[in-house]
Protein backbone atom coordinates (compact mmCIF):
# COMPACT_ATOMS: atom_id res chain seq x y z
CA MET A 1 24.67 -41.90 80.77
CA GLN A 2 24.61 -41.51 77.03
CA TRP A 3 20.83 -41.73 77.06
CA ILE A 4 20.65 -38.94 79.59
CA LYS A 5 22.94 -36.73 77.49
CA HIS A 6 20.93 -37.58 74.38
CA SER A 7 17.69 -36.76 76.17
CA GLN A 8 19.09 -33.48 77.40
CA CYS A 9 20.26 -32.62 73.88
CA ASN A 10 16.89 -33.48 72.38
CA GLY A 11 15.17 -31.43 75.04
CA ARG A 12 17.32 -28.42 74.29
CA LEU A 13 16.61 -28.75 70.56
CA SER A 14 12.89 -29.04 71.21
CA TRP A 15 12.86 -25.90 73.33
CA LEU A 16 15.00 -24.10 70.74
CA ALA A 17 12.57 -25.11 67.97
CA ILE A 18 9.60 -23.88 70.02
CA ILE A 19 11.30 -20.53 70.67
CA VAL A 20 12.16 -20.07 66.97
CA LEU A 21 8.64 -20.93 65.84
CA PHE A 22 7.14 -18.61 68.42
CA GLY A 23 9.42 -15.81 67.26
CA LEU A 24 8.50 -16.32 63.64
CA ASN A 25 4.81 -16.39 64.48
CA ALA A 26 5.18 -13.20 66.48
CA CYS A 27 6.97 -11.49 63.58
CA THR A 28 4.46 -12.53 61.00
CA SER A 29 1.49 -11.58 63.15
CA ARG A 30 2.50 -7.89 63.13
CA TYR A 31 1.77 -7.40 59.42
CA TYR A 32 -1.27 -8.26 57.35
CA ALA A 33 -1.32 -8.76 53.63
CA ALA A 34 -3.23 -6.07 51.73
CA PRO A 35 -6.45 -7.38 50.18
CA VAL A 36 -6.23 -7.80 46.43
CA GLU A 37 -9.39 -7.19 44.45
CA ASN A 38 -10.08 -9.89 41.97
CA ARG A 39 -10.57 -8.20 38.59
CA GLN A 40 -10.68 -11.46 36.69
CA GLN A 41 -14.07 -12.29 35.27
CA ASN A 42 -14.36 -15.22 32.92
CA GLY A 43 -10.66 -15.01 32.26
CA TYR A 44 -10.70 -11.31 31.19
CA SER A 45 -9.36 -8.34 33.07
CA VAL A 46 -12.05 -5.79 34.05
CA PRO A 47 -10.81 -2.18 34.18
CA ALA A 48 -11.53 -0.02 37.20
CA PRO A 49 -14.65 2.13 36.83
CA VAL A 50 -14.08 5.78 35.87
CA VAL A 51 -16.41 8.35 37.41
CA ALA A 52 -17.18 11.15 34.96
CA LYS A 53 -17.00 14.63 36.41
CA PRO A 54 -20.20 16.63 35.87
CA ALA A 55 -19.84 19.64 33.60
CA ASN A 56 -20.09 22.97 35.33
CA SER A 57 -22.93 25.37 34.71
CA ALA A 58 -20.85 27.64 32.47
CA THR A 59 -19.98 24.76 30.17
CA ARG A 60 -23.59 23.61 30.00
CA ALA A 61 -24.76 27.15 29.29
CA ALA A 62 -22.19 27.64 26.54
CA SER A 63 -23.09 24.38 24.81
CA ALA A 64 -26.80 25.15 25.05
CA SER A 65 -26.23 28.65 23.69
CA TYR A 66 -24.26 27.59 20.62
CA GLN A 67 -26.87 25.02 19.65
CA ALA A 68 -28.98 27.86 18.27
CA LEU A 69 -26.21 29.11 15.95
CA ASP A 70 -25.85 28.36 12.30
CA THR A 71 -22.67 26.84 10.93
CA GLN A 72 -21.05 30.27 10.57
CA GLY A 73 -21.66 31.39 14.18
CA ARG A 74 -24.31 33.99 13.45
CA HIS A 75 -27.34 35.18 15.41
CA GLN A 76 -30.43 36.86 13.99
CA VAL A 77 -31.66 39.68 16.20
CA LYS A 78 -35.16 39.23 17.55
CA ALA A 79 -37.60 41.74 18.99
CA GLY A 80 -36.42 42.89 22.42
CA ASP A 81 -32.77 41.89 21.86
CA THR A 82 -29.97 44.26 22.82
CA LEU A 83 -26.28 43.81 22.17
CA TYR A 84 -25.71 43.38 25.90
CA ARG A 85 -28.26 40.58 26.16
CA ILE A 86 -26.83 38.84 23.11
CA ALA A 87 -23.26 39.15 24.45
CA ARG A 88 -24.29 37.72 27.81
CA HIS A 89 -26.20 34.86 26.16
CA TYR A 90 -23.24 33.79 24.02
CA GLN A 91 -20.63 34.56 26.74
CA GLN A 92 -18.83 37.18 24.68
CA SER A 93 -17.86 40.74 25.56
CA VAL A 94 -19.84 43.65 24.15
CA ARG A 95 -16.65 45.16 22.71
CA GLN A 96 -15.83 41.91 20.92
CA LEU A 97 -19.29 41.68 19.35
CA ALA A 98 -19.13 45.35 18.37
CA ALA A 99 -15.72 44.79 16.72
CA TRP A 100 -16.86 41.71 14.80
CA ASN A 101 -19.95 43.51 13.52
CA ARG A 102 -18.44 47.01 13.14
CA LEU A 103 -20.92 48.58 15.55
CA SER A 104 -20.38 51.91 17.26
CA PRO A 105 -21.97 53.28 20.44
CA PRO A 106 -24.78 53.14 21.41
CA TYR A 107 -24.61 49.69 19.74
CA THR A 108 -28.21 49.75 18.51
CA VAL A 109 -29.39 46.53 16.85
CA TYR A 110 -32.64 45.89 15.02
CA PRO A 111 -34.89 42.85 14.57
CA GLY A 112 -33.86 40.79 11.56
CA GLN A 113 -30.25 42.01 11.72
CA VAL A 114 -27.67 39.20 11.53
CA LEU A 115 -24.74 39.43 13.97
CA GLN A 116 -21.51 37.46 14.15
CA VAL A 117 -21.34 36.09 17.70
CA ARG A 118 -18.26 33.87 17.48
CA PRO A 119 -15.10 33.98 15.35
CA VAL A 120 -15.21 32.44 11.92
CA VAL A 121 -13.07 29.31 11.76
CA ALA A 122 -11.29 28.85 8.45
CA ALA A 123 -12.05 25.59 6.68
CA PRO A 124 -9.16 23.08 6.73
CA VAL A 125 -7.11 22.87 3.56
CA GLN A 126 -7.77 19.61 1.77
CA THR A 127 -4.72 17.92 0.31
CA SER A 128 -4.73 15.32 -2.44
CA PRO A 129 -3.78 11.78 -1.37
CA ARG A 130 -0.15 10.83 -1.83
CA THR A 131 0.57 7.80 -4.02
CA VAL A 132 3.66 5.85 -2.88
CA PRO A 133 5.42 4.04 -5.76
CA HIS A 134 5.68 0.31 -5.15
CA THR A 135 8.82 -1.73 -5.60
CA SER A 136 9.11 -5.17 -7.10
CA SER A 137 9.02 -6.73 -3.64
CA GLN A 138 5.80 -4.95 -2.72
CA ARG A 139 2.40 -5.86 -3.96
CA PRO A 140 0.69 -2.88 -5.62
CA THR A 141 -2.32 -1.61 -3.74
CA ARG A 142 -5.50 -0.54 -5.43
CA GLN A 143 -6.01 3.23 -5.28
CA LEU A 144 -9.61 4.05 -4.42
CA ALA A 145 -10.97 7.35 -5.65
CA PRO A 146 -12.41 9.46 -2.84
CA ARG A 147 -16.18 9.60 -2.76
CA ALA A 148 -17.60 12.95 -3.68
CA MET A 149 -19.53 14.52 -0.82
CA ARG A 150 -23.10 15.36 -1.59
CA PRO A 151 -23.52 19.12 -1.37
CA VAL A 152 -25.85 20.29 1.38
CA PRO A 153 -28.05 23.15 0.27
CA ALA A 154 -27.39 26.23 2.38
CA GLN A 155 -30.27 27.86 4.18
CA SER A 156 -31.43 30.89 2.35
CA HIS A 157 -31.30 34.11 4.38
CA ALA A 158 -32.43 36.25 1.50
CA ARG A 159 -35.31 38.58 2.28
CA THR A 160 -37.64 40.45 0.04
CA SER A 161 -36.07 43.74 -0.98
CA VAL A 162 -37.53 46.75 0.80
CA ASN A 163 -38.11 50.11 -0.84
CA CYS A 164 -36.56 52.63 1.55
CA THR A 165 -37.10 55.70 -0.61
CA PRO A 166 -39.45 58.50 0.49
CA ASN A 167 -41.69 57.99 -2.55
CA GLY A 168 -41.94 54.20 -2.49
CA GLY A 169 -41.38 53.43 1.19
CA LEU A 170 -43.56 53.79 4.26
CA ARG A 171 -45.56 57.00 3.95
CA HIS A 172 -47.68 59.32 6.09
CA TRP A 173 -45.14 60.04 8.80
CA ARG A 174 -45.86 62.84 11.23
CA TRP A 175 -43.65 64.96 13.46
CA PRO A 176 -42.86 63.32 16.81
CA THR A 177 -43.19 66.58 18.75
CA GLN A 178 -43.92 70.26 18.30
CA VAL A 179 -41.01 71.78 16.42
CA HIS A 180 -39.38 74.85 17.88
CA LYS A 181 -35.98 74.34 16.33
CA ILE A 182 -34.02 71.55 14.67
CA SER A 183 -30.60 71.84 16.28
CA THR A 184 -28.86 68.98 14.43
CA THR A 185 -29.66 67.23 11.18
CA PHE A 186 -28.94 63.80 9.73
CA THR A 187 -25.53 63.09 8.18
CA ARG A 188 -24.33 59.81 6.71
CA SER A 189 -20.89 60.26 8.25
CA GLY A 190 -21.96 60.56 11.88
CA ARG A 191 -25.35 61.77 13.09
CA ARG A 192 -27.94 59.04 12.77
CA GLY A 193 -31.04 61.21 13.20
CA ILE A 194 -32.23 64.72 13.99
CA THR A 195 -32.40 66.67 17.25
CA ILE A 196 -35.55 68.71 17.87
CA ALA A 197 -35.19 71.39 20.53
CA GLY A 198 -38.15 72.02 22.81
CA GLN A 199 -39.31 72.53 26.38
CA THR A 200 -39.00 70.20 29.35
CA GLY A 201 -42.04 67.94 29.61
CA GLN A 202 -43.20 68.68 26.07
CA PRO A 203 -45.26 65.73 24.69
CA VAL A 204 -43.45 63.21 22.48
CA LEU A 205 -45.73 61.56 19.90
CA ALA A 206 -45.56 58.37 17.87
CA ALA A 207 -44.54 59.35 14.34
CA HIS A 208 -46.42 56.40 12.86
CA ALA A 209 -48.68 53.60 14.06
CA GLY A 210 -46.89 50.48 15.27
CA LYS A 211 -45.77 48.26 18.14
CA VAL A 212 -43.41 49.28 20.96
CA LEU A 213 -40.30 47.10 20.75
CA TYR A 214 -38.36 48.74 23.59
CA SER A 215 -39.15 51.17 26.38
CA GLY A 216 -36.45 51.75 28.97
CA VAL A 217 -32.95 52.99 29.68
CA GLY A 218 -30.68 53.34 26.65
CA VAL A 219 -27.60 51.24 26.05
CA ASN A 220 -24.48 52.05 28.10
CA GLY A 221 -25.77 55.47 29.13
CA TYR A 222 -26.46 56.62 25.57
CA TYR A 223 -29.86 57.85 24.38
CA GLY A 224 -31.19 58.35 27.94
CA ASP A 225 -34.68 56.91 28.39
CA LEU A 226 -35.41 55.38 25.02
CA ILE A 227 -38.42 54.17 23.03
CA ILE A 228 -38.24 52.10 19.82
CA ILE A 229 -41.37 51.50 17.75
CA GLN A 230 -41.69 49.01 14.90
CA HIS A 231 -44.08 50.19 12.20
CA HIS A 232 -43.39 47.44 9.68
CA PRO A 233 -41.02 44.45 9.69
CA ALA A 234 -38.41 46.72 8.09
CA TRP A 235 -39.27 50.14 9.55
CA LEU A 236 -38.40 51.47 13.01
CA SER A 237 -38.47 54.84 14.74
CA VAL A 238 -36.36 55.85 17.75
CA TYR A 239 -37.20 58.46 20.42
CA ALA A 240 -34.32 59.28 22.76
CA TYR A 241 -33.60 61.40 25.87
CA ASN A 242 -37.13 61.33 27.25
CA ARG A 243 -38.05 62.60 30.69
CA THR A 244 -40.88 60.13 31.30
CA LEU A 245 -42.03 57.07 29.36
CA ARG A 246 -45.75 56.45 28.92
CA VAL A 247 -45.78 53.22 26.94
CA ARG A 248 -44.48 49.73 27.59
CA GLU A 249 -42.99 47.04 25.40
CA ASN A 250 -45.50 45.29 23.10
CA ASP A 251 -47.99 48.18 23.36
CA GLN A 252 -49.78 49.04 20.13
CA VAL A 253 -49.69 52.79 19.45
CA GLN A 254 -51.40 55.04 16.95
CA ALA A 255 -49.84 57.86 14.99
CA GLY A 256 -49.89 61.01 17.10
CA GLN A 257 -50.35 59.15 20.41
CA ILE A 258 -48.38 60.55 23.37
CA ILE A 259 -45.65 58.06 24.24
CA ALA A 260 -43.29 60.17 26.40
CA SER A 261 -42.34 63.65 27.57
CA MET A 262 -39.26 65.53 26.45
CA GLY A 263 -36.13 65.51 28.60
CA LYS A 264 -32.52 66.65 28.34
CA ASN A 265 -29.84 65.14 26.14
CA SER A 266 -26.23 64.36 27.03
CA GLN A 267 -25.25 68.01 26.44
CA GLY A 268 -27.86 69.22 28.92
CA GLN A 269 -30.15 70.62 26.22
CA THR A 270 -33.91 70.06 26.32
CA ALA A 271 -34.46 68.18 23.09
CA LEU A 272 -35.71 65.00 21.44
CA HIS A 273 -33.39 62.82 19.39
CA PHE A 274 -35.41 61.16 16.62
CA GLU A 275 -34.38 58.47 14.13
CA ILE A 276 -36.00 56.49 11.34
CA SER A 277 -34.44 53.26 10.06
CA CYS A 278 -35.35 51.08 7.11
CA ASP A 279 -34.07 47.53 6.68
CA GLY A 280 -31.53 48.04 9.49
CA LYS A 281 -30.10 51.30 8.12
CA THR A 282 -30.87 54.81 9.31
CA VAL A 283 -32.38 57.23 6.83
CA ASP A 284 -32.81 61.00 6.86
CA PRO A 285 -36.06 61.71 8.77
CA LEU A 286 -36.47 65.09 7.06
CA LYS A 287 -37.07 63.30 3.75
CA PHE A 288 -40.05 61.43 5.22
CA LEU A 289 -41.59 63.99 7.59
CA PRO A 290 -44.02 66.57 6.19
CA THR A 291 -42.75 70.08 5.53
CA PHE A 292 -43.72 72.78 7.99
């Protein structure tokens, strides 16, 4: 009888153990351990790789643009440059470039002219090294004198001086059109050239032999259809408010050659606006043109 009871007890315990084990197995089978990546190589921890984000096109363009600058953020105007093209190239506004370089409309720039195309960053103030007095418990350290930096010779931007006077400068100018009346004359305070009144379609002539630097629409609506001719590395002539243009950029022209026909200026008057500049500065054309 005792054996039967003992057998029944052992049987109940066996079934109870089976049920408990089955329950535990069922519970543990519902969840799976997350895989763990082994970052141990030769006993050292290897960091996760970092994927570098590619730079956008604007950033690449800006870095490529500033590579051509000198250390002071300046750009030297080349043939065919306009302030708008330069501003777009260096990702600056036209107004900002005009303010930095004190330019006024129509923002005319000339080859060889140096423009500031980014703000000038002030050099950091150098301070002398501080010497900390040592106490008896501290061992004095040896003070090393700073090494003097070897000066880097600056690039010379100096150009040969140009004689811009009527007697010593470029001679043998001729009138750019038939003169009926000179409505405005040159003034240093405002007007950069002269205005020659005429008739619609009247021929406009090259005042001197040279190369056409620009032939097209003026800047920001000023000067109408415009032609700029370079007669010498330092000498330019400007013909504004034309009706039709008969030359293209890089054309070689002779003195007296027809380059355009006369149109109307911003005031609605039939006239030619004519300028002469020497070394980037406008001069009075009447001092160079022959008397009539």
